[in-house]
Amino acid sequence: MDRRYGWIIVDPNICHGKPVFKGTRVLVADVLDMIASGMGIDEILEEYPQLSICFT
């Protein structure tokens, strides 16, 4: 496994196999949509504080 991306997983038993951040059920696509809409990391972490280990 490439360690740079070790915090994104795909498991058919979690969120129907869509990519999520490891240890959460937060969809990668949702976070990418937030970034695309102009949200900053601080705003995203406010919405999903469990992602702090991925972005710090």
PDB file of N, CA and C in Angstrom:
ATOM      1  N   MET A   1       0.847  -1.188   0.000  1.00  0.00           N
ATOM      2  CA  MET A   1       0.000   0.000   0.000  1.00  0.00           C
ATOM      3  C   MET A   1       0.884   1.240   0.000  1.00  0.00           C
ATOM      4  N   ASP A   2       0.529   2.199  -0.786  1.00  0.00           N
ATOM      5  CA  ASP A   2       1.234   3.471  -0.834  1.00  0.00           C
ATOM      6  C   ASP A   2       0.855   4.269   0.411  1.00  0.00           C
ATOM      7  N   ARG A   3       1.797   4.516   1.285  1.00  0.00           N
ATOM      8  CA  ARG A   3       1.531   5.186   2.559  1.00  0.00           C
ATOM      9  C   ARG A   3       0.967   6.597   2.397  1.00  0.00           C
ATOM     10  N   ARG A   4       1.249   7.246   1.286  1.00  0.00           N
ATOM     11  CA  ARG A   4       0.728   8.600   1.100  1.00  0.00           C
ATOM     12  C   ARG A   4      -0.791   8.608   1.061  1.00  0.00           C
ATOM     13  N   TYR A   5      -1.379   7.506   0.664  1.00  0.00           N
ATOM     14  CA  TYR A   5      -2.827   7.447   0.531  1.00  0.00           C
ATOM     15  C   TYR A   5      -3.436   6.403   1.456  1.00  0.00           C
ATOM     16  N   GLY A   6      -2.729   6.009   2.486  1.00  0.00           N
ATOM     17  CA  GLY A   6      -3.190   4.980   3.399  1.00  0.00           C
ATOM     18  C   GLY A   6      -4.413   5.365   4.208  1.00  0.00           C
ATOM     19  N   TRP A   7      -4.789   6.625   4.205  1.00  0.00           N
ATOM     20  CA  TRP A   7      -5.951   7.046   4.990  1.00  0.00           C
ATOM     21  C   TRP A   7      -7.237   7.005   4.186  1.00  0.00           C
ATOM     22  N   ILE A   8      -7.178   6.577   2.933  1.00  0.00           N
ATOM     23  CA  ILE A   8      -8.387   6.371   2.128  1.00  0.00           C
ATOM     24  C   ILE A   8      -8.532   4.872   1.903  1.00  0.00           C
ATOM     25  N   ILE A   9      -9.714   4.351   2.229  1.00  0.00           N
ATOM     26  CA  ILE A   9      -9.942   2.919   2.057  1.00  0.00           C
ATOM     27  C   ILE A   9     -11.211   2.680   1.250  1.00  0.00           C
ATOM     28  N   VAL A  10     -11.275   1.493   0.675  1.00  0.00           N
ATOM     29  CA  VAL A  10     -12.474   1.029  -0.023  1.00  0.00           C
ATOM     30  C   VAL A  10     -12.787  -0.348   0.545  1.00  0.00           C
ATOM     31  N   ASP A  11     -13.968  -0.471   1.119  1.00  0.00           N
ATOM     32  CA  ASP A  11     -14.403  -1.727   1.722  1.00  0.00           C
ATOM     33  C   ASP A  11     -15.858  -1.931   1.327  1.00  0.00           C
ATOM     34  N   PRO A  12     -16.184  -3.051   0.698  1.00  0.00           N
ATOM     35  CA  PRO A  12     -17.563  -3.257   0.256  1.00  0.00           C
ATOM     36  C   PRO A  12     -18.582  -3.245   1.396  1.00  0.00           C
ATOM     37  N   ASN A  13     -18.112  -3.397   2.628  1.00  0.00           N
ATOM     38  CA  ASN A  13     -19.013  -3.390   3.779  1.00  0.00           C
ATOM     39  C   ASN A  13     -19.191  -2.011   4.401  1.00  0.00           C
ATOM     40  N   ILE A  14     -18.497  -1.021   3.870  1.00  0.00           N
ATOM     41  CA  ILE A  14     -18.595   0.346   4.398  1.00  0.00           C
ATOM     42  C   ILE A  14     -19.050   1.261   3.276  1.00  0.00           C
ATOM     43  N   CYS A  15     -20.176   1.910   3.463  1.00  0.00           N
ATOM     44  CA  CYS A  15     -20.713   2.887   2.499  1.00  0.00           C
ATOM     45  C   CYS A  15     -20.781   2.327   1.076  1.00  0.00           C
ATOM     46  N   HIS A  16     -21.200   1.087   0.970  1.00  0.00           N
ATOM     47  CA  HIS A  16     -21.385   0.432  -0.333  1.00  0.00           C
ATOM     48  C   HIS A  16     -20.120   0.412  -1.180  1.00  0.00           C
ATOM     49  N   GLY A  17     -18.968   0.365  -0.521  1.00  0.00           N
ATOM     50  CA  GLY A  17     -17.706   0.258  -1.242  1.00  0.00           C
ATOM     51  C   GLY A  17     -17.164   1.556  -1.809  1.00  0.00           C
ATOM     52  N   LYS A  18     -17.780   2.669  -1.454  1.00  0.00           N
ATOM     53  CA  LYS A  18     -17.261   3.960  -1.923  1.00  0.00           C
ATOM     54  C   LYS A  18     -16.049   4.349  -1.074  1.00  0.00           C
ATOM     55  N   PRO A  19     -15.094   5.084  -1.646  1.00  0.00           N
ATOM     56  CA  PRO A  19     -13.913   5.484  -0.875  1.00  0.00           C
ATOM     57  C   PRO A  19     -14.293   6.362   0.321  1.00  0.00           C
ATOM     58  N   VAL A  20     -13.754   5.997   1.479  1.00  0.00           N
ATOM     59  CA  VAL A  20     -13.972   6.751   2.717  1.00  0.00           C
ATOM     60  C   VAL A  20     -12.628   6.980   3.388  1.00  0.00           C
ATOM     61  N   PHE A  21     -12.608   7.900   4.338  1.00  0.00           N
ATOM     62  CA  PHE A  21     -11.408   8.111   5.131  1.00  0.00           C
ATOM     63  C   PHE A  21     -11.341   7.023   6.193  1.00  0.00           C
ATOM     64  N   LYS A  22     -10.191   6.401   6.302  1.00  0.00           N
ATOM     65  CA  LYS A  22      -9.987   5.274   7.206  1.00  0.00           C
ATOM     66  C   LYS A  22     -10.451   5.616   8.620  1.00  0.00           C
ATOM     67  N   GLY A  23     -11.206   4.705   9.204  1.00  0.00           N
ATOM     68  CA  GLY A  23     -11.700   4.880  10.563  1.00  0.00           C
ATOM     69  C   GLY A  23     -12.953   5.728  10.657  1.00  0.00           C
ATOM     70  N   THR A  24     -13.492   6.142   9.505  1.00  0.00           N
ATOM     71  CA  THR A  24     -14.705   6.965   9.485  1.00  0.00           C
ATOM     72  C   THR A  24     -15.653   6.416   8.424  1.00  0.00           C
ATOM     73  N   ARG A  25     -16.791   7.016   8.330  1.00  0.00           N
ATOM     74  CA  ARG A  25     -17.710   6.744   7.228  1.00  0.00           C
ATOM     75  C   ARG A  25     -17.897   8.019   6.402  1.00  0.00           C
ATOM     76  N   VAL A  26     -16.887   8.858   6.423  1.00  0.00           N
ATOM     77  CA  VAL A  26     -16.915  10.111   5.671  1.00  0.00           C
ATOM     78  C   VAL A  26     -16.440   9.816   4.253  1.00  0.00           C
ATOM     79  N   LEU A  27     -17.317  10.079   3.298  1.00  0.00           N
ATOM     80  CA  LEU A  27     -16.984   9.812   1.901  1.00  0.00           C
ATOM     81  C   LEU A  27     -15.951  10.810   1.380  1.00  0.00           C
ATOM     82  N   VAL A  28     -14.969  10.291   0.679  1.00  0.00           N
ATOM     83  CA  VAL A  28     -13.957  11.143   0.053  1.00  0.00           C
ATOM     84  C   VAL A  28     -14.636  12.101  -0.922  1.00  0.00           C
ATOM     85  N   ALA A  29     -15.616  11.620  -1.664  1.00  0.00           N
ATOM     86  CA  ALA A  29     -16.321  12.461  -2.638  1.00  0.00           C
ATOM     87  C   ALA A  29     -16.988  13.655  -1.963  1.00  0.00           C
ATOM     88  N   ASP A  30     -17.535  13.456  -0.761  1.00  0.00           N
ATOM     89  CA  ASP A  30     -18.175  14.567  -0.052  1.00  0.00           C
ATOM     90  C   ASP A  30     -17.160  15.647   0.303  1.00  0.00           C
ATOM     91  N   VAL A  31     -15.992  15.231   0.761  1.00  0.00           N
ATOM     92  CA  VAL A  31     -14.956  16.202   1.120  1.00  0.00           C
ATOM     93  C   VAL A  31     -14.443  16.909  -0.135  1.00  0.00           C
ATOM     94  N   LEU A  32     -14.277  16.182  -1.219  1.00  0.00           N
ATOM     95  CA  LEU A  32     -13.847  16.816  -2.469  1.00  0.00           C
ATOM     96  C   LEU A  32     -14.885  17.823  -2.958  1.00  0.00           C
ATOM     97  N   ASP A  33     -16.161  17.503  -2.804  1.00  0.00           N
ATOM     98  CA  ASP A  33     -17.220  18.452  -3.169  1.00  0.00           C
ATOM     99  C   ASP A  33     -17.138  19.711  -2.313  1.00  0.00           C
ATOM    100  N   MET A  34     -16.850  19.535  -1.034  1.00  0.00           N
ATOM    101  CA  MET A  34     -16.715  20.689  -0.140  1.00  0.00           C
ATOM    102  C   MET A  34     -15.555  21.579  -0.577  1.00  0.00           C
ATOM    103  N   ILE A  35     -14.438  20.951  -0.913  1.00  0.00           N
ATOM    104  CA  ILE A  35     -13.274  21.710  -1.373  1.00  0.00           C
ATOM    105  C   ILE A  35     -13.606  22.430  -2.681  1.00  0.00           C
ATOM    106  N   ALA A  36     -14.270  21.727  -3.591  1.00  0.00           N
ATOM    107  CA  ALA A  36     -14.634  22.321  -4.883  1.00  0.00           C
ATOM    108  C   ALA A  36     -15.583  23.501  -4.719  1.00  0.00           C
ATOM    109  N   SER A  37     -16.398  23.467  -3.669  1.00  0.00           N
ATOM    110  CA  SER A  37     -17.343  24.563  -3.446  1.00  0.00           C
ATOM    111  C   SER A  37     -16.695  25.750  -2.735  1.00  0.00           C
ATOM    112  N   GLY A  38     -15.410  25.604  -2.390  1.00  0.00           N
ATOM    113  CA  GLY A  38     -14.693  26.722  -1.794  1.00  0.00           C
ATOM    114  C   GLY A  38     -14.470  26.626  -0.297  1.00  0.00           C
ATOM    115  N   MET A  39     -14.896  25.550   0.323  1.00  0.00           N
ATOM    116  CA  MET A  39     -14.678  25.399   1.761  1.00  0.00           C
ATOM    117  C   MET A  39     -13.199  25.164   2.033  1.00  0.00           C
ATOM    118  N   GLY A  40     -12.740  25.711   3.133  1.00  0.00           N
ATOM    119  CA  GLY A  40     -11.363  25.504   3.552  1.00  0.00           C
ATOM    120  C   GLY A  40     -11.259  24.311   4.489  1.00  0.00           C
ATOM    121  N   ILE A  41     -10.033  23.907   4.751  1.00  0.00           N
ATOM    122  CA  ILE A  41      -9.795  22.762   5.628  1.00  0.00           C
ATOM    123  C   ILE A  41     -10.401  22.993   7.009  1.00  0.00           C
ATOM    124  N   ASP A  42     -10.268  24.197   7.544  1.00  0.00           N
ATOM    125  CA  ASP A  42     -10.830  24.481   8.870  1.00  0.00           C
ATOM    126  C   ASP A  42     -12.338  24.282   8.894  1.00  0.00           C
ATOM    127  N   GLU A  43     -13.016  24.707   7.842  1.00  0.00           N
ATOM    128  CA  GLU A  43     -14.469  24.532   7.772  1.00  0.00           C
ATOM    129  C   GLU A  43     -14.841  23.053   7.650  1.00  0.00           C
ATOM    130  N   ILE A  44     -14.068  22.327   6.879  1.00  0.00           N
ATOM    131  CA  ILE A  44     -14.330  20.897   6.711  1.00  0.00           C
ATOM    132  C   ILE A  44     -14.117  20.173   8.034  1.00  0.00           C
ATOM    133  N   LEU A  45     -13.051  20.522   8.743  1.00  0.00           N
ATOM    134  CA  LEU A  45     -12.789  19.888  10.035  1.00  0.00           C
ATOM    135  C   LEU A  45     -13.845  20.260  11.068  1.00  0.00           C
ATOM    136  N   GLU A  46     -14.425  21.427  10.930  1.00  0.00           N
ATOM    137  CA  GLU A  46     -15.522  21.810  11.820  1.00  0.00           C
ATOM    138  C   GLU A  46     -16.736  20.908  11.568  1.00  0.00           C
ATOM    139  N   GLU A  47     -16.962  20.601  10.305  1.00  0.00           N
ATOM    140  CA  GLU A  47     -18.073  19.729   9.908  1.00  0.00           C
ATOM    141  C   GLU A  47     -17.791  18.262  10.253  1.00  0.00           C
ATOM    142  N   TYR A  48     -16.544  17.842  10.050  1.00  0.00           N
ATOM    143  CA  TYR A  48     -16.134  16.455  10.291  1.00  0.00           C
ATOM    144  C   TYR A  48     -14.874  16.430  11.158  1.00  0.00           C
ATOM    145  N   PRO A  49     -14.996  16.682  12.452  1.00  0.00           N
ATOM    146  CA  PRO A  49     -13.803  16.733  13.313  1.00  0.00           C
ATOM    147  C   PRO A  49     -13.020  15.420  13.346  1.00  0.00           C
ATOM    148  N   GLN A  50     -13.670  14.315  13.031  1.00  0.00           N
ATOM    149  CA  GLN A  50     -12.971  13.029  13.028  1.00  0.00           C
ATOM    150  C   GLN A  50     -11.911  12.944  11.936  1.00  0.00           C
ATOM    151  N   LEU A  51     -11.912  13.884  11.002  1.00  0.00           N
ATOM    152  CA  LEU A  51     -10.905  13.891   9.938  1.00  0.00           C
ATOM    153  C   LEU A  51      -9.618  14.588  10.354  1.00  0.00           C
ATOM    154  N   SER A  52      -9.571  15.130  11.548  1.00  0.00           N
ATOM    155  CA  SER A  52      -8.392  15.892  11.960  1.00  0.00           C
ATOM    156  C   SER A  52      -7.116  15.062  11.871  1.00  0.00           C
ATOM    157  N   ILE A  53      -7.201  13.762  12.064  1.00  0.00           N
ATOM    158  CA  ILE A  53      -5.990  12.934  11.969  1.00  0.00           C
ATOM    159  C   ILE A  53      -5.510  12.807  10.530  1.00  0.00           C
ATOM    160  N   CYS A  54      -6.387  13.023   9.561  1.00  0.00           N
ATOM    161  CA  CYS A  54      -6.007  12.934   8.152  1.00  0.00           C
ATOM    162  C   CYS A  54      -5.396  14.232   7.636  1.00  0.00           C
ATOM    163  N   PHE A  55      -5.782  15.357   8.224  1.00  0.00           N
ATOM    164  CA  PHE A  55      -5.378  16.657   7.693  1.00  0.00           C
ATOM    165  C   PHE A  55      -4.418  17.417   8.587  1.00  0.00           C
ATOM    166  N   THR A  56      -3.913  16.774   9.625  1.00  0.00           N
ATOM    167  CA  THR A  56      -2.974  17.481  10.499  1.00  0.00           C
ATOM    168  C   THR A  56      -1.621  16.831  10.464  1.00  0.00           C
TER     169      THR A  56
END
